[in-house]
Amino acid sequence: MSDLPACPSCNSTYTYQDRELFNCPECGKEWSAEAVEKQHAVRCSNGNELNDGDSVTVIKDLKIKGSSSVVKVGTKVKNIRVLDPEYITDGHDIDCKIDGFGAMKLKSSVVKKN
């Protein structure tokens, strides 16, 4: 069994090393050994670490940009995806689908882990 780390993007175990970089043949991601050591941790408003596939609850009303609708307090969001640091925009570090609203990005500061 290999002691190489799994791909941080797609969790593939088919990674290989090319000099100082690790490579994933499935998604094409390259990362350094230092990036593995300082893994980006996203935490909810209570301080719990969030991982892909977790369920969270919205803790305050969220106005949706370009719409008159609002995501209400207590809305449950299942199967979130934590974004890599290079894909985070304006602090929105969670990608999810909310029933009745569709796909959107949320800030981890407005959710709590279930």
Protein backbone atom coordinates (compact mmCIF):
# COMPACT_ATOMS: atom_id res chain seq x y z
CA MET A 1 0.00 0.00 0.00
CA SER A 2 1.22 3.48 -0.87
CA ASP A 3 2.08 6.12 1.71
CA LEU A 4 1.17 8.91 -0.72
CA PRO A 5 -1.70 11.20 0.34
CA ALA A 6 -5.10 11.03 -1.35
CA CYS A 7 -6.05 13.87 -3.65
CA PRO A 8 -7.49 16.80 -1.63
CA SER A 9 -9.97 17.63 -4.41
CA CYS A 10 -11.46 14.29 -5.44
CA ASN A 11 -10.05 11.92 -2.76
CA SER A 12 -8.52 9.69 -5.43
CA THR A 13 -5.99 7.17 -4.14
CA TYR A 14 -4.17 7.01 -7.50
CA THR A 15 -1.88 9.94 -6.73
CA TYR A 16 1.77 9.97 -7.74
CA GLN A 17 4.77 12.12 -6.91
CA ASP A 18 6.76 14.14 -9.46
CA ARG A 19 9.77 15.72 -7.72
CA GLU A 20 8.33 18.01 -5.02
CA LEU A 21 4.72 17.90 -6.25
CA PHE A 22 1.95 15.35 -5.85
CA ASN A 23 -0.34 14.82 -8.87
CA CYS A 24 -3.79 13.36 -9.35
CA PRO A 25 -4.38 11.65 -12.71
CA GLU A 26 -8.17 11.70 -12.27
CA CYS A 27 -8.83 15.43 -11.73
CA GLY A 28 -5.45 16.90 -12.72
CA LYS A 29 -4.76 18.67 -9.40
CA GLU A 30 -1.16 19.34 -8.37
CA TRP A 31 -0.15 20.19 -4.82
CA SER A 32 3.00 20.38 -2.73
CA ALA A 33 3.91 18.44 0.39
CA GLU A 34 3.61 21.67 2.42
CA ALA A 35 0.00 22.05 1.25
CA VAL A 36 -0.77 18.63 2.70
CA GLU A 37 0.66 19.67 6.06
CA LYS A 38 -1.24 22.95 6.34
CA GLN A 39 -4.65 21.67 5.33
CA HIS A 40 -7.36 24.32 5.07
CA ALA A 41 -9.86 23.83 7.88
CA VAL A 42 -13.32 25.39 7.59
CA ARG A 43 -15.19 25.80 10.87
CA CYS A 44 -18.85 26.55 11.57
CA SER A 45 -20.08 29.32 13.88
CA ASN A 46 -19.70 26.97 16.88
CA GLY A 47 -16.09 26.12 16.01
CA ASN A 48 -16.71 22.59 14.72
CA GLU A 49 -14.73 21.56 11.67
CA LEU A 50 -16.83 21.10 8.52
CA ASN A 51 -16.15 18.32 6.01
CA ASP A 52 -17.60 17.32 2.66
CA GLY A 53 -20.96 15.57 3.07
CA ASP A 54 -21.82 17.15 6.44
CA SER A 55 -25.26 18.55 7.23
CA VAL A 56 -25.59 22.09 8.58
CA THR A 57 -28.32 24.45 9.77
CA VAL A 58 -28.57 28.13 8.83
CA ILE A 59 -28.41 30.33 11.97
CA LYS A 60 -29.67 33.64 10.52
CA ASP A 61 -31.94 34.86 7.72
CA LEU A 62 -30.03 35.17 4.45
CA LYS A 63 -31.17 37.48 1.68
CA ILE A 64 -30.51 36.02 -1.75
CA LYS A 65 -28.74 38.40 -4.08
CA GLY A 66 -30.89 39.34 -7.08
CA SER A 67 -34.06 37.88 -5.59
CA SER A 68 -36.72 38.85 -3.10
CA SER A 69 -36.64 35.46 -1.35
CA VAL A 70 -34.89 34.69 1.95
CA VAL A 71 -33.30 31.55 3.36
CA LYS A 72 -34.89 31.33 6.82
CA VAL A 73 -33.23 30.55 10.15
CA GLY A 74 -33.28 26.81 10.84
CA THR A 75 -33.11 25.74 7.20
CA LYS A 76 -31.27 22.42 7.04
CA VAL A 77 -28.69 21.93 4.31
CA LYS A 78 -27.50 18.40 3.56
CA ASN A 79 -24.40 17.16 1.81
CA ILE A 80 -22.28 20.32 1.75
CA ARG A 81 -18.97 20.62 -0.07
CA VAL A 82 -16.10 22.56 1.49
CA LEU A 83 -14.30 24.61 -1.15
CA ASP A 84 -10.53 24.65 -1.66
CA PRO A 85 -8.90 27.99 -0.74
CA GLU A 86 -8.33 28.93 -4.38
CA TYR A 87 -12.09 28.75 -5.08
CA ILE A 88 -13.26 30.82 -2.09
CA THR A 89 -14.78 34.15 -3.11
CA ASP A 90 -15.84 36.87 -0.65
CA GLY A 91 -15.62 34.42 2.26
CA HIS A 92 -18.13 31.97 0.76
CA ASP A 93 -16.36 28.71 1.58
CA ILE A 94 -19.23 26.18 1.40
CA ASP A 95 -20.91 24.96 -1.79
CA CYS A 96 -24.36 23.40 -1.36
CA LYS A 97 -27.86 22.87 -2.72
CA ILE A 98 -30.78 24.20 -0.70
CA ASP A 99 -34.21 22.73 -1.36
CA GLY A 100 -36.41 25.34 -3.00
CA PHE A 101 -33.48 27.65 -3.80
CA GLY A 102 -30.97 25.54 -5.76
CA ALA A 103 -27.19 25.62 -5.78
CA MET A 104 -25.43 28.39 -3.87
CA LYS A 105 -22.39 29.22 -1.81
CA LEU A 106 -22.57 30.00 1.90
CA LYS A 107 -20.22 31.43 4.49
CA SER A 108 -19.28 29.06 7.27
CA SER A 109 -19.98 31.83 9.81
CA VAL A 110 -23.75 31.63 9.14
CA VAL A 111 -24.16 27.87 9.66
CA LYS A 112 -23.80 25.40 12.50
CA LYS A 113 -22.96 21.73 12.16
CA ASN A 114 -25.73 19.24 12.98
